Protein backbone atom coordinates (compact mmCIF):
# COMPACT_ATOMS: atom_id res chain seq x y z
CA UNK A 1 39.23 -9.52 -10.94
CA UNK A 2 37.16 -9.39 -7.80
CA UNK A 3 37.07 -12.71 -5.92
CA UNK A 4 33.85 -14.42 -4.95
CA UNK A 5 34.69 -13.99 -1.26
CA UNK A 6 35.14 -10.25 -1.62
CA UNK A 7 31.93 -9.97 -3.70
CA UNK A 8 29.90 -11.85 -1.10
CA UNK A 9 31.40 -9.71 1.65
CA UNK A 10 30.38 -6.53 -0.15
CA UNK A 11 26.87 -7.87 -0.69
CA UNK A 12 26.60 -8.69 2.99
CA UNK A 13 27.87 -5.26 3.93
CA UNK A 14 25.24 -3.63 1.70
CA UNK A 15 22.42 -5.54 3.35
CA UNK A 16 23.76 -4.85 6.83
CA UNK A 17 23.68 -1.15 6.03
CA UNK A 18 20.07 -1.61 4.96
CA UNK A 19 19.30 -3.31 8.25
CA UNK A 20 21.12 -0.67 10.25
CA UNK A 21 23.83 -3.07 11.31
CA UNK A 22 26.78 -0.76 10.70
CA UNK A 23 25.51 2.33 12.46
CA UNK A 24 24.20 4.22 9.41
CA UNK A 25 21.19 5.37 11.38
CA UNK A 26 20.70 8.62 9.48
CA UNK A 27 19.85 6.65 6.33
CA UNK A 28 17.55 4.37 8.31
CA UNK A 29 15.63 7.23 9.90
CA UNK A 30 15.26 9.01 6.58
CA UNK A 31 13.63 5.92 5.09
CA UNK A 32 11.53 5.13 8.13
CA UNK A 33 13.66 2.24 9.30
CA UNK A 34 15.26 1.81 12.69
CA UNK A 35 18.67 0.18 13.16
CA UNK A 36 18.87 -3.36 14.53
CA UNK A 37 21.78 -4.96 16.36
CA UNK A 38 23.61 -7.71 14.41
CA UNK A 39 23.92 -11.12 16.00
CA UNK A 40 27.56 -11.39 14.83
CA UNK A 41 29.85 -10.09 12.07
CA UNK A 42 28.91 -11.96 8.87
CA UNK A 43 29.52 -11.80 5.12
CA UNK A 44 25.74 -11.79 4.51
CA UNK A 45 22.93 -10.97 6.94
CA UNK A 46 21.90 -13.83 9.17
CA UNK A 47 18.40 -15.28 9.07
CA UNK A 48 17.76 -13.51 12.39
CA UNK A 49 18.68 -10.14 10.84
CA UNK A 50 16.43 -10.67 7.83
CA UNK A 51 13.48 -12.02 9.84
CA UNK A 52 13.76 -9.11 12.27
CA UNK A 53 13.72 -6.66 9.37
CA UNK A 54 10.76 -8.34 7.64
CA UNK A 55 8.68 -8.53 10.81
CA UNK A 56 9.43 -4.95 11.78
CA UNK A 57 8.25 -3.70 8.38
CA UNK A 58 5.26 -6.06 8.30
CA UNK A 59 3.99 -4.82 11.67
CA UNK A 60 3.65 -1.33 10.21
CA UNK A 61 1.08 -2.70 7.72
CA UNK A 62 -2.05 -3.80 9.57
CA UNK A 63 -4.37 -3.02 6.66
CA UNK A 64 -4.05 -1.91 3.03
CA UNK A 65 -7.03 -0.38 1.23
CA UNK A 66 -6.81 0.29 -2.51
CA UNK A 67 -9.64 2.17 -4.22
CA UNK A 68 -8.07 2.14 -7.68
CA UNK A 69 -6.73 -1.27 -8.64
CA UNK A 70 -5.73 -2.31 -12.17
CA UNK A 71 -5.49 -6.04 -12.82
CA UNK A 72 -3.78 -7.18 -16.01
CA UNK A 73 -4.29 -10.88 -16.70
CA UNK A 74 -2.48 -13.24 -19.03
CA UNK A 75 -4.09 -16.68 -19.23
CA UNK A 76 -2.29 -19.38 -21.23
CA UNK A 77 -0.48 -16.72 -23.23
CA UNK A 78 -3.61 -14.71 -24.00
CA UNK A 79 -3.97 -11.18 -22.62
CA UNK A 80 -7.35 -10.51 -21.03
CA UNK A 81 -8.81 -6.96 -21.06
CA UNK A 82 -7.70 -4.97 -18.01
CA UNK A 83 -9.94 -5.40 -14.99
CA UNK A 84 -10.38 -2.43 -12.67
CA UNK A 85 -11.54 -2.69 -9.11
CA UNK A 86 -10.64 -2.30 -5.47
CA UNK A 87 -8.99 -4.32 -2.75
CA UNK A 88 -8.81 -4.37 1.01
CA UNK A 89 -6.51 -6.56 3.07
CA UNK A 90 -6.69 -6.63 6.86
CA UNK A 91 -4.65 -8.87 9.14
CA UNK A 92 -4.72 -11.67 9.79
CA UNK A 93 -6.96 -13.14 7.03
CA UNK A 94 -9.56 -10.58 6.02
CA UNK A 95 -9.24 -10.01 2.28
CA UNK A 96 -11.50 -8.83 -0.55
CA UNK A 97 -10.68 -8.07 -4.16
CA UNK A 98 -13.38 -7.26 -6.71
CA UNK A 99 -13.04 -6.10 -10.29
CA UNK A 100 -15.06 -5.04 -13.32
CA UNK A 101 -14.47 -4.67 -17.05
CA UNK A 102 -16.71 -2.44 -19.17
CA UNK A 103 -18.93 -1.99 -16.10
CA UNK A 104 -19.55 -5.72 -15.66
CA UNK A 105 -18.23 -7.68 -12.62
CA UNK A 106 -15.46 -10.09 -13.58
CA UNK A 107 -13.85 -11.35 -10.38
CA UNK A 108 -14.44 -11.62 -6.66
CA UNK A 109 -11.77 -13.03 -4.36
CA UNK A 110 -12.17 -12.98 -0.59
CA UNK A 111 -11.44 -14.56 2.76
CA UNK A 112 -12.02 -14.31 6.48
CA UNK A 113 -10.60 -16.15 9.48
CA UNK A 114 -12.40 -19.38 8.56
CA UNK A 115 -12.57 -19.67 4.79
CA UNK A 116 -11.69 -18.20 1.40
CA UNK A 117 -13.67 -17.96 -1.84
CA UNK A 118 -13.26 -16.92 -5.46
CA UNK A 119 -15.47 -16.32 -8.47
CA UNK A 120 -14.31 -15.63 -12.03
CA UNK A 121 -16.85 -14.68 -14.67
CA UNK A 122 -15.09 -16.54 -17.44
CA UNK A 123 -15.89 -20.21 -17.14
CA UNK A 124 -18.56 -22.04 -15.15
CA UNK A 125 -21.01 -19.87 -13.12
CA UNK A 126 -19.64 -21.13 -9.80
CA UNK A 127 -18.40 -19.45 -6.62
CA UNK A 128 -15.80 -21.78 -5.13
CA UNK A 129 -15.10 -21.73 -1.40
CA UNK A 130 -13.13 -23.71 1.14
CA UNK A 131 -12.41 -23.71 4.87
CA UNK A 132 -8.74 -23.22 5.68
CA UNK A 133 -8.72 -26.40 7.75
CA UNK A 134 -9.94 -28.41 4.75
CA UNK A 135 -7.49 -26.67 2.43
CA UNK A 136 -4.53 -27.76 4.56
CA UNK A 137 -5.69 -31.38 4.23
CA UNK A 138 -5.59 -31.07 0.45
CA UNK A 139 -8.17 -30.00 -2.15
CA UNK A 140 -8.13 -29.54 -5.91
CA UNK A 141 -7.99 -25.86 -6.88
CA UNK A 142 -9.70 -24.99 -10.21
CA UNK A 143 -8.12 -21.52 -9.98
CA UNK A 144 -4.73 -20.90 -8.31
CA UNK A 145 -5.90 -18.37 -5.73
CA UNK A 146 -4.70 -18.28 -2.13
CA UNK A 147 -5.34 -15.08 -0.11
CA UNK A 148 -2.36 -15.76 2.14
CA UNK A 149 -0.06 -15.72 -0.89
CA UNK A 150 -1.39 -12.28 -1.87
CA UNK A 151 -0.93 -11.07 1.72
CA UNK A 152 2.71 -12.11 1.59
CA UNK A 153 3.20 -10.39 -1.78
CA UNK A 154 1.88 -7.18 -0.17
CA UNK A 155 4.58 -7.41 2.50
CA UNK A 156 2.12 -8.06 5.36
CA UNK A 157 3.12 -11.58 6.40
CA UNK A 158 5.04 -12.17 9.61
CA UNK A 159 7.89 -14.67 9.75
CA UNK A 160 8.50 -17.35 12.36
CA UNK A 161 11.60 -18.37 14.35
CA UNK A 162 14.78 -17.45 12.42
CA UNK A 163 16.06 -20.95 13.11
CA UNK A 164 13.53 -22.17 10.53
CA UNK A 165 15.32 -20.32 7.73
CA UNK A 166 18.63 -20.35 5.89
CA UNK A 167 20.31 -17.62 3.84
CA UNK A 168 21.88 -17.97 0.41
CA UNK A 169 23.57 -15.38 -1.81
CA UNK A 170 22.88 -15.71 -5.54
CA UNK A 171 24.32 -13.00 -7.75
CA UNK A 172 22.77 -9.67 -6.80
CA UNK A 173 20.07 -11.38 -4.76
CA UNK A 174 19.98 -12.64 -1.18
CA UNK A 175 17.47 -15.40 -0.47
CA UNK A 176 15.78 -16.26 2.82
CA UNK A 177 14.68 -19.88 2.50
CA UNK A 178 12.20 -21.92 4.52
CA UNK A 179 11.40 -25.60 4.08
CA UNK A 180 7.69 -26.00 4.77
CA UNK A 181 4.56 -27.90 3.72
CA UNK A 182 1.41 -26.86 1.87
CA UNK A 183 -1.55 -29.23 1.84
CA UNK A 184 0.72 -31.84 3.36
CA UNK A 185 3.29 -31.62 0.56
CA UNK A 186 6.89 -30.39 1.02
CA UNK A 187 7.64 -26.97 -0.46
CA UNK A 188 10.46 -24.46 -0.33
CA UNK A 189 9.45 -20.85 0.31
CA UNK A 190 11.93 -18.17 -0.75
CA UNK A 191 11.94 -14.45 0.01
CA UNK A 192 14.32 -12.49 -2.24
CA UNK A 193 16.16 -9.27 -1.42
CA UNK A 194 18.03 -6.82 -3.60
CA UNK A 195 21.60 -6.93 -2.28
CA UNK A 196 22.19 -3.26 -3.10
CA UNK A 197 20.89 -0.39 -0.98
CA UNK A 198 17.83 0.98 -2.76
CA UNK A 199 14.99 3.36 -1.96
CA UNK A 200 11.42 3.65 -3.28
CA UNK A 201 10.25 3.20 -5.98
CA UNK A 202 12.90 0.46 -6.30
CA UNK A 203 11.96 -2.54 -4.09
CA UNK A 204 14.36 -3.86 -1.45
CA UNK A 205 12.30 -7.07 -1.21
CA UNK A 206 12.09 -8.14 -4.83
CA UNK A 207 9.94 -11.23 -4.70
CA UNK A 208 8.59 -14.42 -3.22
CA UNK A 209 8.76 -17.90 -4.72
CA UNK A 210 7.31 -21.27 -3.75
CA UNK A 211 8.97 -24.42 -5.15
CA UNK A 212 7.80 -28.01 -4.97
CA UNK A 213 9.98 -30.92 -3.85
CA UNK A 214 11.48 -31.16 -7.35
CA UNK A 215 12.39 -27.49 -7.52
CA UNK A 216 9.56 -26.60 -9.89
CA UNK A 217 7.99 -23.16 -9.34
CA UNK A 218 4.43 -23.45 -8.02
CA UNK A 219 3.85 -19.72 -7.71
CA UNK A 220 5.93 -16.57 -7.73
CA UNK A 221 5.39 -12.93 -6.83
CA UNK A 222 7.66 -10.23 -8.24
CA UNK A 223 7.57 -6.77 -6.67
CA UNK A 224 8.11 -4.29 -9.51
CA UNK A 225 7.62 -0.97 -7.73
CA UNK A 226 7.05 0.26 -4.17
CA UNK A 227 5.93 3.45 -2.50
CA UNK A 228 6.27 4.77 1.03
CA UNK A 229 3.75 6.55 3.22
CA UNK A 230 4.14 8.22 6.60
CA UNK A 231 1.90 6.80 9.29
CA UNK A 232 0.21 8.89 12.01
CA UNK A 233 2.86 7.78 14.52
CA UNK A 234 5.58 9.26 12.32
CA UNK A 235 6.94 5.94 11.04
CA UNK A 236 7.39 5.35 7.32
CA UNK A 237 5.78 2.26 5.84
CA UNK A 238 6.62 0.80 2.44
CA UNK A 239 3.99 -0.97 0.36
CA UNK A 240 4.07 -2.41 -3.17
CA UNK A 241 2.53 -0.41 -6.01
CA UNK A 242 3.11 -2.99 -8.75
CA UNK A 243 3.16 -6.72 -8.08
CA UNK A 244 3.19 -9.56 -10.59
CA UNK A 245 1.71 -12.89 -9.47
CA UNK A 246 2.51 -15.94 -11.56
CA UNK A 247 1.48 -19.61 -11.57
CA UNK A 248 3.67 -21.27 -14.25
CA UNK A 249 1.98 -24.67 -14.21
CA UNK A 250 -1.42 -23.10 -14.86
CA UNK A 251 0.15 -20.58 -17.29
CA UNK A 252 -1.56 -17.78 -15.38
CA UNK A 253 -0.17 -14.33 -14.62
CA UNK A 254 -1.74 -11.36 -12.84
CA UNK A 255 -0.18 -7.94 -12.50
CA UNK A 256 -1.67 -5.67 -9.83
CA UNK A 257 -1.19 -1.90 -9.87
CA UNK A 258 -2.30 -0.16 -6.67
CA UNK A 259 -3.32 3.51 -6.65
CA UNK A 260 -5.38 5.56 -4.19
CA UNK A 261 -3.98 3.54 -1.31
CA UNK A 262 -4.58 4.11 2.40
CA UNK A 263 -2.79 2.25 5.19
CA UNK A 264 -4.23 0.96 8.47
CA UNK A 265 -7.62 2.58 7.88
CA UNK A 266 -10.13 1.71 10.59
CA UNK A 267 -13.13 -0.36 9.45
CA UNK A 268 -16.40 -0.51 11.38
CA UNK A 269 -17.95 -3.81 12.41
CA UNK A 270 -20.86 -3.51 9.97
CA UNK A 271 -18.54 -2.88 7.03
CA UNK A 272 -16.20 -5.65 8.18
CA UNK A 273 -19.08 -8.12 8.21
CA UNK A 274 -20.28 -7.01 4.77
CA UNK A 275 -16.85 -7.10 3.16
CA UNK A 276 -15.54 -10.35 4.60
CA UNK A 277 -18.61 -12.59 4.45
CA UNK A 278 -18.90 -15.05 1.58
CA UNK A 279 -21.36 -13.47 -0.88
CA UNK A 280 -24.91 -14.49 -1.74
CA UNK A 281 -25.69 -14.54 -5.45
CA UNK A 282 -29.05 -15.92 -6.61
CA UNK A 283 -27.85 -17.26 -9.96
CA UNK A 284 -24.39 -18.47 -8.97
CA UNK A 285 -23.74 -21.98 -7.67
CA UNK A 286 -21.74 -22.33 -4.45
CA UNK A 287 -19.20 -25.13 -4.53
CA UNK A 288 -17.28 -26.33 -1.46
CA UNK A 289 -13.89 -27.53 -2.71
CA UNK A 290 -13.75 -30.13 0.06
CA UNK A 291 -17.35 -31.37 0.01
CA UNK A 292 -18.95 -30.46 -3.31
CA UNK A 293 -22.05 -28.37 -3.85
CA UNK A 294 -23.55 -26.45 -0.93
CA UNK A 295 -27.22 -27.41 -0.95
CA UNK A 296 -30.19 -26.00 1.00
CA UNK A 297 -32.13 -29.21 1.85
CA UNK A 298 -35.43 -27.44 2.58
CA UNK A 299 -35.59 -25.41 -0.62
CA UNK A 300 -33.65 -27.91 -2.82
CA UNK A 301 -31.51 -25.11 -4.16
CA UNK A 302 -28.02 -23.76 -3.75
CA UNK A 303 -27.31 -22.51 -0.22
CA UNK A 304 -26.70 -18.73 -0.03
CA UNK A 305 -24.79 -16.96 2.70
CA UNK A 306 -25.20 -13.18 2.33
CA UNK A 307 -23.66 -10.46 0.17
CA UNK A 308 -24.34 -8.89 -3.23
CA UNK A 309 -24.95 -10.37 -6.66
CA UNK A 310 -22.84 -9.62 -9.70
CA UNK A 311 -24.76 -8.05 -12.55
CA UNK A 312 -24.40 -9.54 -16.04
């Protein structure tokens, strides 16, 4: 029977081939990857190897535009009718996701460099918003939406100094682990890799998990399927086609299916302003998660900031 040491060594060897660490450059070039130089011989890739790989792939994705997005929602065990819409994500924090069901707007999630917002038709007629600086200090979230979490699930996040991470092998998975804080509370962020060499549509990066100080899952993203696309410079970029987002405490699950995708599409300034400005809806209350209602003192009504209104 194969010993644990041998098994771990084989897993490490598999990932090093993926990262180009054993000279298998023909495989790397075919998939759009370039070999990297290992820091030292190891049973599993080092944190430096994995961070280098993640950042190299992330830099290929400056923007993802999806014109055909299916959103399947399960809320407290109840399946919600499929929402169809579109999404655009542009580094570092520009994000917009809108969706309709039966021709009626259902959701609007967005962000820019300063703030994020979200509106869900089901529930109170409120558009919630919050500045990132206030969010880091701690606010109550009525809906578990964070644009930066979606950006990471799309494979667009960049990772910091490898010294901030540790590597663990668990079965057929390799985990890159970072101890961090969110809203001033300690969390553990985990990026999971398939230990075997795989190619699209099978994902090499299988998911992302955030745990609280007690090891309870706060949110998780599972990459179910990926696709690759050749960029104008000849490089191959990989992006997720199916991603499942889950918030166990809130009993909420979203599955995103991306079709009609374009990568790194240029966006003009006028369109950028329109897409990534918090919307103005005449019959929807704006609520600042850090300060409460946003009020226009001269008109004694809800403050509006520009955009389009959802139709009932």
